[in-house]
Amino acid sequence: SICLLPLPQVYAAEGLLSLPVPGTMVRLSPAYEPPLLKGIKVHPD
């Protein structure tokens, strides 16, 4: 019953997260292609 009690909602303090003001246009991040695993070679010996 203690674990299932509703907890008070926690809000982020101003300045900790650099979020834009609501209604502001958010720009796209630059395009990025991460390293991609193409294959694995297993040695029989």
PDB file of all heavy atoms in Angstrom:
ATOM      1  N   SER A   1       0.828  -1.203   0.000  1.00  0.00           N
ATOM      2  CA  SER A   1       0.000   0.000   0.000  1.00  0.00           C
ATOM      3  C   SER A   1       0.865   1.256   0.000  1.00  0.00           C
ATOM      4  O   SER A   1       0.516   2.253  -0.630  1.00  0.00           O
ATOM      5  CB  SER A   1      -0.948  -0.008   1.203  1.00  0.00           C
ATOM      6  OG  SER A   1      -0.197   0.005   2.402  1.00  0.00           O
ATOM      7  N   ILE A   2       2.016   1.231   0.682  1.00  0.00           N
ATOM      8  CA  ILE A   2       2.918   2.382   0.659  1.00  0.00           C
ATOM      9  C   ILE A   2       3.515   2.562  -0.734  1.00  0.00           C
ATOM     10  O   ILE A   2       3.626   3.683  -1.229  1.00  0.00           O
ATOM     11  CB  ILE A   2       4.022   2.226   1.730  1.00  0.00           C
ATOM     12  CG1 ILE A   2       3.401   2.352   3.121  1.00  0.00           C
ATOM     13  CG2 ILE A   2       5.133   3.248   1.530  1.00  0.00           C
ATOM     14  CD1 ILE A   2       4.348   2.038   4.244  1.00  0.00           C
ATOM     15  N   CYS A   3       3.892   1.461  -1.382  1.00  0.00           N
ATOM     16  CA  CYS A   3       4.491   1.540  -2.719  1.00  0.00           C
ATOM     17  C   CYS A   3       3.509   2.037  -3.766  1.00  0.00           C
ATOM     18  O   CYS A   3       3.912   2.659  -4.753  1.00  0.00           O
ATOM     19  CB  CYS A   3       5.041   0.183  -3.134  1.00  0.00           C
ATOM     20  SG  CYS A   3       6.487  -0.319  -2.189  1.00  0.00           S
ATOM     21  N   LEU A   4       2.236   1.777  -3.581  1.00  0.00           N
ATOM     22  CA  LEU A   4       1.241   2.143  -4.583  1.00  0.00           C
ATOM     23  C   LEU A   4       0.596   3.502  -4.340  1.00  0.00           C
ATOM     24  O   LEU A   4      -0.285   3.914  -5.093  1.00  0.00           O
ATOM     25  CB  LEU A   4       0.158   1.058  -4.657  1.00  0.00           C
ATOM     26  CG  LEU A   4       0.655  -0.308  -5.134  1.00  0.00           C
ATOM     27  CD1 LEU A   4      -0.462  -1.335  -5.073  1.00  0.00           C
ATOM     28  CD2 LEU A   4       1.228  -0.225  -6.526  1.00  0.00           C
ATOM     29  N   LEU A   5       1.042   4.224  -3.303  1.00  0.00           N
ATOM     30  CA  LEU A   5       0.517   5.560  -3.067  1.00  0.00           C
ATOM     31  C   LEU A   5       0.945   6.484  -4.200  1.00  0.00           C
ATOM     32  O   LEU A   5       2.068   6.396  -4.686  1.00  0.00           O
ATOM     33  CB  LEU A   5       1.043   6.112  -1.742  1.00  0.00           C
ATOM     34  CG  LEU A   5       0.435   5.525  -0.473  1.00  0.00           C
ATOM     35  CD1 LEU A   5       1.147   6.102   0.741  1.00  0.00           C
ATOM     36  CD2 LEU A   5      -1.045   5.815  -0.388  1.00  0.00           C
ATOM     37  N   PRO A   6       0.067   7.374  -4.629  1.00  0.00           N
ATOM     38  CA  PRO A   6       0.468   8.308  -5.689  1.00  0.00           C
ATOM     39  C   PRO A   6       1.506   9.289  -5.152  1.00  0.00           C
ATOM     40  O   PRO A   6       1.360   9.828  -4.064  1.00  0.00           O
ATOM     41  CB  PRO A   6      -0.833   9.009  -6.072  1.00  0.00           C
ATOM     42  CG  PRO A   6      -1.730   8.819  -4.897  1.00  0.00           C
ATOM     43  CD  PRO A   6      -1.321   7.543  -4.230  1.00  0.00           C
ATOM     44  N   LEU A   7       2.541   9.509  -5.930  1.00  0.00           N
ATOM     45  CA  LEU A   7       3.592  10.432  -5.555  1.00  0.00           C
ATOM     46  C   LEU A   7       3.293  11.811  -6.121  1.00  0.00           C
ATOM     47  O   LEU A   7       2.667  11.932  -7.173  1.00  0.00           O
ATOM     48  CB  LEU A   7       4.938   9.936  -6.097  1.00  0.00           C
ATOM     49  CG  LEU A   7       5.399   8.585  -5.541  1.00  0.00           C
ATOM     50  CD1 LEU A   7       6.675   8.161  -6.251  1.00  0.00           C
ATOM     51  CD2 LEU A   7       5.614   8.661  -4.058  1.00  0.00           C
ATOM     52  N   PRO A   8       3.722  12.872  -5.445  1.00  0.00           N
ATOM     53  CA  PRO A   8       3.500  14.207  -6.000  1.00  0.00           C
ATOM     54  C   PRO A   8       4.292  14.383  -7.281  1.00  0.00           C
ATOM     55  O   PRO A   8       5.386  13.845  -7.434  1.00  0.00           O
ATOM     56  CB  PRO A   8       4.023  15.141  -4.904  1.00  0.00           C
ATOM     57  CG  PRO A   8       4.928  14.309  -4.086  1.00  0.00           C
ATOM     58  CD  PRO A   8       4.427  12.894  -4.191  1.00  0.00           C
ATOM     59  N   GLN A   9       3.718  15.126  -8.200  1.00  0.00           N
ATOM     60  CA  GLN A   9       4.369  15.314  -9.488  1.00  0.00           C
ATOM     61  C   GLN A   9       5.571  16.242  -9.327  1.00  0.00           C
ATOM     62  O   GLN A   9       5.492  17.276  -8.672  1.00  0.00           O
ATOM     63  CB  GLN A   9       3.398  15.892 -10.500  1.00  0.00           C
ATOM     64  CG  GLN A   9       3.919  15.811 -11.900  1.00  0.00           C
ATOM     65  CD  GLN A   9       2.787  15.850 -12.905  1.00  0.00           C
ATOM     66  OE1 GLN A   9       1.681  16.209 -12.581  1.00  0.00           O
ATOM     67  NE2 GLN A   9       3.082  15.480 -14.125  1.00  0.00           N
ATOM     68  N   VAL A  10       6.682  15.839  -9.914  1.00  0.00           N
ATOM     69  CA  VAL A  10       7.905  16.604  -9.800  1.00  0.00           C
ATOM     70  C   VAL A  10       8.124  17.359 -11.099  1.00  0.00           C
ATOM     71  O   VAL A  10       8.067  16.791 -12.177  1.00  0.00           O
ATOM     72  CB  VAL A  10       9.102  15.664  -9.526  1.00  0.00           C
ATOM     73  CG1 VAL A  10      10.387  16.446  -9.445  1.00  0.00           C
ATOM     74  CG2 VAL A  10       8.856  14.866  -8.269  1.00  0.00           C
ATOM     75  N   TYR A  11       8.384  18.651 -10.993  1.00  0.00           N
ATOM     76  CA  TYR A  11       8.625  19.483 -12.153  1.00  0.00           C
ATOM     77  C   TYR A  11      10.101  19.824 -12.238  1.00  0.00           C
ATOM     78  O   TYR A  11      10.783  19.976 -11.227  1.00  0.00           O
ATOM     79  CB  TYR A  11       7.802  20.770 -12.071  1.00  0.00           C
ATOM     80  CG  TYR A  11       6.321  20.520 -12.142  1.00  0.00           C
ATOM     81  CD1 TYR A  11       5.553  20.468 -10.990  1.00  0.00           C
ATOM     82  CD2 TYR A  11       5.697  20.306 -13.356  1.00  0.00           C
ATOM     83  CE1 TYR A  11       4.192  20.219 -11.045  1.00  0.00           C
ATOM     84  CE2 TYR A  11       4.345  20.060 -13.430  1.00  0.00           C
ATOM     85  CZ  TYR A  11       3.592  20.020 -12.274  1.00  0.00           C
ATOM     86  OH  TYR A  11       2.261  19.771 -12.345  1.00  0.00           O
ATOM     87  N   ALA A  12      10.606  19.944 -13.446  1.00  0.00           N
ATOM     88  CA  ALA A  12      12.009  20.301 -13.637  1.00  0.00           C
ATOM     89  C   ALA A  12      12.211  21.763 -13.251  1.00  0.00           C
ATOM     90  O   ALA A  12      11.421  22.630 -13.591  1.00  0.00           O
ATOM     91  CB  ALA A  12      12.419  20.078 -15.078  1.00  0.00           C
ATOM     92  N   ALA A  13      13.290  22.002 -12.546  1.00  0.00           N
ATOM     93  CA  ALA A  13      13.610  23.373 -12.155  1.00  0.00           C
ATOM     94  C   ALA A  13      14.067  24.147 -13.388  1.00  0.00           C
ATOM     95  O   ALA A  13      14.697  23.597 -14.281  1.00  0.00           O
ATOM     96  CB  ALA A  13      14.697  23.366 -11.101  1.00  0.00           C
ATOM     97  N   GLU A  14      13.747  25.414 -13.423  1.00  0.00           N
ATOM     98  CA  GLU A  14      14.157  26.238 -14.562  1.00  0.00           C
ATOM     99  C   GLU A  14      15.673  26.340 -14.586  1.00  0.00           C
ATOM    100  O   GLU A  14      16.303  26.486 -13.560  1.00  0.00           O
ATOM    101  CB  GLU A  14      13.541  27.625 -14.464  1.00  0.00           C
ATOM    102  CG  GLU A  14      12.062  27.624 -14.730  1.00  0.00           C
ATOM    103  CD  GLU A  14      11.502  29.027 -14.747  1.00  0.00           C
ATOM    104  OE1 GLU A  14      12.220  29.940 -15.177  1.00  0.00           O
ATOM    105  OE2 GLU A  14      10.354  29.191 -14.331  1.00  0.00           O
ATOM    106  N   GLY A  15      16.236  26.225 -15.764  1.00  0.00           N
ATOM    107  CA  GLY A  15      17.677  26.331 -15.899  1.00  0.00           C
ATOM    108  C   GLY A  15      18.368  24.977 -15.961  1.00  0.00           C
ATOM    109  O   GLY A  15      19.455  24.862 -16.497  1.00  0.00           O
ATOM    110  N   LEU A  16      17.758  23.937 -15.401  1.00  0.00           N
ATOM    111  CA  LEU A  16      18.383  22.614 -15.457  1.00  0.00           C
ATOM    112  C   LEU A  16      18.228  21.990 -16.833  1.00  0.00           C
ATOM    113  O   LEU A  16      19.140  21.355 -17.336  1.00  0.00           O
ATOM    114  CB  LEU A  16      17.792  21.691 -14.395  1.00  0.00           C
ATOM    115  CG  LEU A  16      18.089  22.071 -12.946  1.00  0.00           C
ATOM    116  CD1 LEU A  16      17.400  21.087 -12.010  1.00  0.00           C
ATOM    117  CD2 LEU A  16      19.581  22.091 -12.698  1.00  0.00           C
ATOM    118  N   LEU A  17      17.072  22.174 -17.428  1.00  0.00           N
ATOM    119  CA  LEU A  17      16.822  21.670 -18.774  1.00  0.00           C
ATOM    120  C   LEU A  17      16.704  22.860 -19.707  1.00  0.00           C
ATOM    121  O   LEU A  17      16.000  23.828 -19.412  1.00  0.00           O
ATOM    122  CB  LEU A  17      15.530  20.851 -18.825  1.00  0.00           C
ATOM    123  CG  LEU A  17      15.514  19.578 -17.992  1.00  0.00           C
ATOM    124  CD1 LEU A  17      14.129  18.951 -18.049  1.00  0.00           C
ATOM    125  CD2 LEU A  17      16.547  18.600 -18.489  1.00  0.00           C
ATOM    126  N   SER A  18      17.374  22.788 -20.819  1.00  0.00           N
ATOM    127  CA  SER A  18      17.305  23.908 -21.764  1.00  0.00           C
ATOM    128  C   SER A  18      16.202  23.648 -22.787  1.00  0.00           C
ATOM    129  O   SER A  18      16.459  23.375 -23.945  1.00  0.00           O
ATOM    130  CB  SER A  18      18.655  24.097 -22.455  1.00  0.00           C
ATOM    131  OG  SER A  18      19.010  22.919 -23.132  1.00  0.00           O
ATOM    132  N   LEU A  19      14.977  23.710 -22.335  1.00  0.00           N
ATOM    133  CA  LEU A  19      13.832  23.502 -23.210  1.00  0.00           C
ATOM    134  C   LEU A  19      13.382  24.835 -23.780  1.00  0.00           C
ATOM    135  O   LEU A  19      13.452  25.872 -23.116  1.00  0.00           O
ATOM    136  CB  LEU A  19      12.687  22.865 -22.425  1.00  0.00           C
ATOM    137  CG  LEU A  19      12.958  21.472 -21.872  1.00  0.00           C
ATOM    138  CD1 LEU A  19      11.772  21.013 -21.030  1.00  0.00           C
ATOM    139  CD2 LEU A  19      13.213  20.493 -22.989  1.00  0.00           C
ATOM    140  N   PRO A  20      12.912  24.834 -25.032  1.00  0.00           N
ATOM    141  CA  PRO A  20      12.435  26.095 -25.618  1.00  0.00           C
ATOM    142  C   PRO A  20      11.103  26.514 -25.008  1.00  0.00           C
ATOM    143  O   PRO A  20      10.374  25.705 -24.429  1.00  0.00           O
ATOM    144  CB  PRO A  20      12.282  25.751 -27.095  1.00  0.00           C
ATOM    145  CG  PRO A  20      12.085  24.288 -27.128  1.00  0.00           C
ATOM    146  CD  PRO A  20      12.860  23.732 -25.968  1.00  0.00           C
ATOM    147  N   VAL A  21      10.804  27.775 -25.151  1.00  0.00           N
ATOM    148  CA  VAL A  21       9.539  28.319 -24.673  1.00  0.00           C
ATOM    149  C   VAL A  21       8.421  27.706 -25.513  1.00  0.00           C
ATOM    150  O   VAL A  21       8.578  27.528 -26.734  1.00  0.00           O
ATOM    151  CB  VAL A  21       9.563  29.863 -24.823  1.00  0.00           C
ATOM    152  CG1 VAL A  21       8.248  30.474 -24.364  1.00  0.00           C
ATOM    153  CG2 VAL A  21      10.734  30.442 -24.062  1.00  0.00           C
ATOM    154  N   PRO A  22       7.300  27.351 -24.912  1.00  0.00           N
ATOM    155  CA  PRO A  22       6.192  26.796 -25.698  1.00  0.00           C
ATOM    156  C   PRO A  22       5.783  27.733 -26.821  1.00  0.00           C
ATOM    157  O   PRO A  22       5.688  28.942 -26.647  1.00  0.00           O
ATOM    158  CB  PRO A  22       5.064  26.647 -24.675  1.00  0.00           C
ATOM    159  CG  PRO A  22       5.762  26.520 -23.366  1.00  0.00           C
ATOM    160  CD  PRO A  22       6.991  27.357 -23.483  1.00  0.00           C
ATOM    161  N   GLY A  23       5.577  27.166 -27.999  1.00  0.00           N
ATOM    162  CA  GLY A  23       5.196  27.928 -29.174  1.00  0.00           C
ATOM    163  C   GLY A  23       6.377  28.325 -30.039  1.00  0.00           C
ATOM    164  O   GLY A  23       6.201  28.826 -31.140  1.00  0.00           O
ATOM    165  N   THR A  24       7.606  28.081 -29.574  1.00  0.00           N
ATOM    166  CA  THR A  24       8.806  28.409 -30.337  1.00  0.00           C
ATOM    167  C   THR A  24       9.108  27.275 -31.310  1.00  0.00           C
ATOM    168  O   THR A  24       8.986  26.105 -30.961  1.00  0.00           O
ATOM    169  CB  THR A  24      10.014  28.598 -29.400  1.00  0.00           C
ATOM    170  OG1 THR A  24       9.682  29.548 -28.412  1.00  0.00           O
ATOM    171  CG2 THR A  24      11.232  29.042 -30.149  1.00  0.00           C
ATOM    172  N   MET A  25       9.505  27.641 -32.524  1.00  0.00           N
ATOM    173  CA  MET A  25       9.840  26.631 -33.523  1.00  0.00           C
ATOM    174  C   MET A  25      11.162  25.946 -33.155  1.00  0.00           C
ATOM    175  O   MET A  25      12.147  26.602 -32.831  1.00  0.00           O
ATOM    176  CB  MET A  25       9.968  27.282 -34.893  1.00  0.00           C
ATOM    177  CG  MET A  25      10.211  26.312 -36.012  1.00  0.00           C
ATOM    178  SD  MET A  25      10.150  27.203 -37.570  1.00  0.00           S
ATOM    179  CE  MET A  25      10.652  25.940 -38.663  1.00  0.00           C
ATOM    180  N   VAL A  26      11.168  24.636 -33.182  1.00  0.00           N
ATOM    181  CA  VAL A  26      12.361  23.864 -32.853  1.00  0.00           C
ATOM    182  C   VAL A  26      13.030  23.442 -34.150  1.00  0.00           C
ATOM    183  O   VAL A  26      12.398  22.863 -35.031  1.00  0.00           O
ATOM    184  CB  VAL A  26      11.990  22.618 -32.017  1.00  0.00           C
ATOM    185  CG1 VAL A  26      13.220  21.811 -31.692  1.00  0.00           C
ATOM    186  CG2 VAL A  26      11.270  23.026 -30.747  1.00  0.00           C
ATOM    187  N   ARG A  27      14.302  23.731 -34.286  1.00  0.00           N
ATOM    188  CA  ARG A  27      15.034  23.403 -35.510  1.00  0.00           C
ATOM    189  C   ARG A  27      15.466  21.939 -35.487  1.00  0.00           C
ATOM    190  O   ARG A  27      15.646  21.345 -34.431  1.00  0.00           O
ATOM    191  CB  ARG A  27      16.249  24.294 -35.646  1.00  0.00           C
ATOM    192  CG  ARG A  27      15.878  25.755 -35.709  1.00  0.00           C
ATOM    193  CD  ARG A  27      17.069  26.584 -36.149  1.00  0.00           C
ATOM    194  NE  ARG A  27      16.783  27.992 -36.072  1.00  0.00           N
ATOM    195  CZ  ARG A  27      16.148  28.690 -36.993  1.00  0.00           C
ATOM    196  NH1 ARG A  27      15.711  28.111 -38.079  1.00  0.00           N
ATOM    197  NH2 ARG A  27      15.946  29.985 -36.841  1.00  0.00           N
ATOM    198  N   LEU A  28      15.673  21.396 -36.688  1.00  0.00           N
ATOM    199  CA  LEU A  28      16.118  20.015 -36.812  1.00  0.00           C
ATOM    200  C   LEU A  28      17.594  19.905 -36.451  1.00  0.00           C
ATOM    201  O   LEU A  28      18.380  20.822 -36.678  1.00  0.00           O
ATOM    202  CB  LEU A  28      15.917  19.518 -38.245  1.00  0.00           C
ATOM    203  CG  LEU A  28      14.478  19.385 -38.717  1.00  0.00           C
ATOM    204  CD1 LEU A  28      14.449  18.996 -40.189  1.00  0.00           C
ATOM    205  CD2 LEU A  28      13.747  18.351 -37.896  1.00  0.00           C
ATOM    206  N   SER A  29      17.960  18.758 -35.905  1.00  0.00           N
ATOM    207  CA  SER A  29      19.376  18.520 -35.633  1.00  0.00           C
ATOM    208  C   SER A  29      20.062  18.118 -36.940  1.00  0.00           C
ATOM    209  O   SER A  29      19.407  17.683 -37.892  1.00  0.00           O
ATOM    210  CB  SER A  29      19.529  17.417 -34.593  1.00  0.00           C
ATOM    211  OG  SER A  29      18.946  16.231 -35.048  1.00  0.00           O
ATOM    212  N   PRO A  30      21.394  18.256 -37.019  1.00  0.00           N
ATOM    213  CA  PRO A  30      22.078  17.873 -38.253  1.00  0.00           C
ATOM    214  C   PRO A  30      21.942  16.369 -38.515  1.00  0.00           C
ATOM    215  O   PRO A  30      21.823  15.569 -37.576  1.00  0.00           O
ATOM    216  CB  PRO A  30      23.537  18.261 -38.008  1.00  0.00           C
ATOM    217  CG  PRO A  30      23.660  18.505 -36.558  1.00  0.00           C
ATOM    218  CD  PRO A  30      22.297  18.785 -36.020  1.00  0.00           C
ATOM    219  N   ALA A  31      21.933  16.017 -39.800  1.00  0.00           N
ATOM    220  CA  ALA A  31      21.803  14.610 -40.182  1.00  0.00           C
ATOM    221  C   ALA A  31      23.000  13.825 -39.677  1.00  0.00           C
ATOM    222  O   ALA A  31      24.126  14.317 -39.669  1.00  0.00           O
ATOM    223  CB  ALA A  31      21.697  14.491 -41.698  1.00  0.00           C
ATOM    224  N   TYR A  32      22.754  12.591 -39.251  1.00  0.00           N
ATOM    225  CA  TYR A  32      23.808  11.758 -38.691  1.00  0.00           C
ATOM    226  C   TYR A  32      23.508  10.303 -38.986  1.00  0.00           C
ATOM    227  O   TYR A  32      22.379   9.853 -38.813  1.00  0.00           O
ATOM    228  CB  TYR A  32      23.900  11.981 -37.182  1.00  0.00           C
ATOM    229  CG  TYR A  32      24.791  10.999 -36.479  1.00  0.00           C
ATOM    230  CD1 TYR A  32      26.156  11.015 -36.674  1.00  0.00           C
ATOM    231  CD2 TYR A  32      24.269  10.050 -35.619  1.00  0.00           C
ATOM    232  CE1 TYR A  32      26.984  10.125 -36.035  1.00  0.00           C
ATOM    233  CE2 TYR A  32      25.082   9.156 -34.969  1.00  0.00           C
ATOM    234  CZ  TYR A  32      26.441   9.196 -35.172  1.00  0.00           C
ATOM    235  OH  TYR A  32      27.255   8.303 -34.546  1.00  0.00           O
ATOM    236  N   GLU A  33      24.504   9.582 -39.430  1.00  0.00           N
ATOM    237  CA  GLU A  33      24.391   8.141 -39.628  1.00  0.00           C
ATOM    238  C   GLU A  33      25.317   7.473 -38.627  1.00  0.00           C
ATOM    239  O   GLU A  33      26.533   7.629 -38.709  1.00  0.00           O
ATOM    240  CB  GLU A  33      24.786   7.759 -41.052  1.00  0.00           C
ATOM    241  CG  GLU A  33      23.815   8.244 -42.102  1.00  0.00           C
ATOM    242  CD  GLU A  33      24.218   7.811 -43.496  1.00  0.00           C
ATOM    243  OE1 GLU A  33      24.937   6.805 -43.624  1.00  0.00           O
ATOM    244  OE2 GLU A  33      23.826   8.497 -44.449  1.00  0.00           O
ATOM    245  N   PRO A  34      24.790   6.725 -37.680  1.00  0.00           N
ATOM    246  CA  PRO A  34      25.639   6.097 -36.665  1.00  0.00           C
ATOM    247  C   PRO A  34      26.414   4.918 -37.249  1.00  0.00           C
ATOM    248  O   PRO A  34      26.075   4.412 -38.330  1.00  0.00           O
ATOM    249  CB  PRO A  34      24.637   5.614 -35.622  1.00  0.00           C
ATOM    250  CG  PRO A  34      23.390   5.374 -36.397  1.00  0.00           C
ATOM    251  CD  PRO A  34      23.387   6.429 -37.475  1.00  0.00           C
ATOM    252  N   PRO A  35      27.455   4.459 -36.548  1.00  0.00           N
ATOM    253  CA  PRO A  35      28.145   3.243 -36.997  1.00  0.00           C
ATOM    254  C   PRO A  35      27.151   2.088 -37.040  1.00  0.00           C
ATOM    255  O   PRO A  35      26.300   1.958 -36.170  1.00  0.00           O
ATOM    256  CB  PRO A  35      29.203   3.007 -35.924  1.00  0.00           C
ATOM    257  CG  PRO A  35      29.393   4.326 -35.281  1.00  0.00           C
ATOM    258  CD  PRO A  35      28.085   5.040 -35.382  1.00  0.00           C
ATOM    259  N   LEU A  36      27.270   1.257 -38.069  1.00  0.00           N
ATOM    260  CA  LEU A  36      26.308   0.192 -38.279  1.00  0.00           C
ATOM    261  C   LEU A  36      27.036  -1.140 -38.383  1.00  0.00           C
ATOM    262  O   LEU A  36      28.012  -1.262 -39.130  1.00  0.00           O
ATOM    263  CB  LEU A  36      25.520   0.463 -39.569  1.00  0.00           C
ATOM    264  CG  LEU A  36      24.397  -0.483 -39.923  1.00  0.00           C
ATOM    265  CD1 LEU A  36      23.300  -0.410 -38.866  1.00  0.00           C
ATOM    266  CD2 LEU A  36      23.833  -0.127 -41.271  1.00  0.00           C
ATOM    267  N   LEU A  37      26.588  -2.124 -37.629  1.00  0.00           N
ATOM    268  CA  LEU A  37      27.176  -3.455 -37.671  1.00  0.00           C
ATOM    269  C   LEU A  37      26.757  -4.145 -38.966  1.00  0.00           C
ATOM    270  O   LEU A  37      25.580  -4.369 -39.216  1.00  0.00           O
ATOM    271  CB  LEU A  37      26.722  -4.280 -36.464  1.00  0.00           C
ATOM    272  CG  LEU A  37      27.262  -5.691 -36.363  1.00  0.00           C
ATOM    273  CD1 LEU A  37      28.768  -5.672 -36.139  1.00  0.00           C
ATOM    274  CD2 LEU A  37      26.588  -6.435 -35.225  1.00  0.00           C
ATOM    275  N   LYS A  38      27.743  -4.461 -39.825  1.00  0.00           N
ATOM    276  CA  LYS A  38      27.460  -5.090 -41.109  1.00  0.00           C
ATOM    277  C   LYS A  38      27.597  -6.607 -41.044  1.00  0.00           C
ATOM    278  O   LYS A  38      26.945  -7.325 -41.776  1.00  0.00           O
ATOM    279  CB  LYS A  38      28.408  -4.555 -42.195  1.00  0.00           C
ATOM    280  CG  LYS A  38      28.151  -3.118 -42.557  1.00  0.00           C
ATOM    281  CD  LYS A  38      26.874  -2.998 -43.336  1.00  0.00           C
ATOM    282  CE  LYS A  38      26.711  -1.597 -43.868  1.00  0.00           C
ATOM    283  NZ  LYS A  38      25.612  -1.485 -44.774  1.00  0.00           N
ATOM    284  N   GLY A  39      28.498  -7.090 -40.169  1.00  0.00           N
ATOM    285  CA  GLY A  39      28.677  -8.528 -40.079  1.00  0.00           C
ATOM    286  C   GLY A  39      29.605  -8.913 -38.940  1.00  0.00           C
ATOM    287  O   GLY A  39      30.278  -8.078 -38.353  1.00  0.00           O
ATOM    288  N   ILE A  40      29.624 -10.222 -38.643  1.00  0.00           N
ATOM    289  CA  ILE A  40      30.503 -10.776 -37.616  1.00  0.00           C
ATOM    290  C   ILE A  40      31.224 -11.969 -38.214  1.00  0.00           C
ATOM    291  O   ILE A  40      30.597 -12.839 -38.818  1.00  0.00           O
ATOM    292  CB  ILE A  40      29.714 -11.226 -36.376  1.00  0.00           C
ATOM    293  CG1 ILE A  40      28.962 -10.065 -35.762  1.00  0.00           C
ATOM    294  CG2 ILE A  40      30.636 -11.851 -35.339  1.00  0.00           C
ATOM    295  CD1 ILE A  40      28.069 -10.458 -34.614  1.00  0.00           C
ATOM    296  N   LYS A  41      32.535 -12.009 -38.056  1.00  0.00           N
ATOM    297  CA  LYS A  41      33.319 -13.138 -38.532  1.00  0.00           C
ATOM    298  C   LYS A  41      33.742 -13.967 -37.323  1.00  0.00           C
ATOM    299  O   LYS A  41      34.356 -13.456 -36.391  1.00  0.00           O
ATOM    300  CB  LYS A  41      34.563 -12.639 -39.280  1.00  0.00           C
ATOM    301  CG  LYS A  41      35.409 -13.743 -39.847  1.00  0.00           C
ATOM    302  CD  LYS A  41      36.600 -13.159 -40.600  1.00  0.00           C
ATOM    303  CE  LYS A  41      37.475 -14.247 -41.152  1.00  0.00           C
ATOM    304  NZ  LYS A  41      38.657 -13.689 -41.812  1.00  0.00           N
ATOM    305  N   VAL A  42      33.370 -15.240 -37.308  1.00  0.00           N
ATOM    306  CA  VAL A  42      33.724 -16.153 -36.226  1.00  0.00           C
ATOM    307  C   VAL A  42      34.799 -17.099 -36.750  1.00  0.00           C
ATOM    308  O   VAL A  42      34.630 -17.716 -37.798  1.00  0.00           O
ATOM    309  CB  VAL A  42      32.499 -16.960 -35.743  1.00  0.00           C
ATOM    310  CG1 VAL A  42      32.864 -17.880 -34.608  1.00  0.00           C
ATOM    311  CG2 VAL A  42      31.376 -16.021 -35.332  1.00  0.00           C
ATOM    312  N   HIS A  43      35.901 -17.209 -36.034  1.00  0.00           N
ATOM    313  CA  HIS A  43      36.997 -18.079 -36.453  1.00  0.00           C
ATOM    314  C   HIS A  43      36.696 -19.520 -36.036  1.00  0.00           C
ATOM    315  O   HIS A  43      36.407 -19.784 -34.870  1.00  0.00           O
ATOM    316  CB  HIS A  43      38.311 -17.600 -35.828  1.00  0.00           C
ATOM    317  CG  HIS A  43      38.717 -16.251 -36.308  1.00  0.00           C
ATOM    318  ND1 HIS A  43      39.508 -16.074 -37.413  1.00  0.00           N
ATOM    319  CD2 HIS A  43      38.417 -15.004 -35.860  1.00  0.00           C
ATOM    320  CE1 HIS A  43      39.698 -14.791 -37.615  1.00  0.00           C
ATOM    321  NE2 HIS A  43      39.039 -14.116 -36.686  1.00  0.00           N
ATOM    322  N   PRO A  44      36.774 -20.483 -36.972  1.00  0.00           N
ATOM    323  CA  PRO A  44      36.428 -21.867 -36.647  1.00  0.00           C
ATOM    324  C   PRO A  44      37.392 -22.505 -35.641  1.00  0.00           C
ATOM    325  O   PRO A  44      36.975 -23.343 -34.841  1.00  0.00           O
ATOM    326  CB  PRO A  44      36.486 -22.605 -37.981  1.00  0.00           C
ATOM    327  CG  PRO A  44      36.858 -21.613 -39.008  1.00  0.00           C
ATOM    328  CD  PRO A  44      37.050 -20.298 -38.378  1.00  0.00           C
ATOM    329  N   ASP A  45      38.667 -22.110 -35.656  1.00  0.00           N
ATOM    330  CA  ASP A  45      39.620 -22.710 -34.724  1.00  0.00           C
ATOM    331  C   ASP A  45      39.471 -22.145 -33.309  1.00  0.00           C
ATOM    332  O   ASP A  45      39.836 -22.792 -32.333  1.00  0.00           O
ATOM    333  CB  ASP A  45      41.060 -22.498 -35.219  1.00  0.00           C
ATOM    334  CG  ASP A  45      41.380 -21.036 -35.477  1.00  0.00           C
ATOM    335  OD1 ASP A  45      40.435 -20.281 -35.780  1.00  0.00           O
ATOM    336  OD2 ASP A  45      42.555 -20.666 -35.366  1.00  0.00           O
TER     337      ASP A  45
END
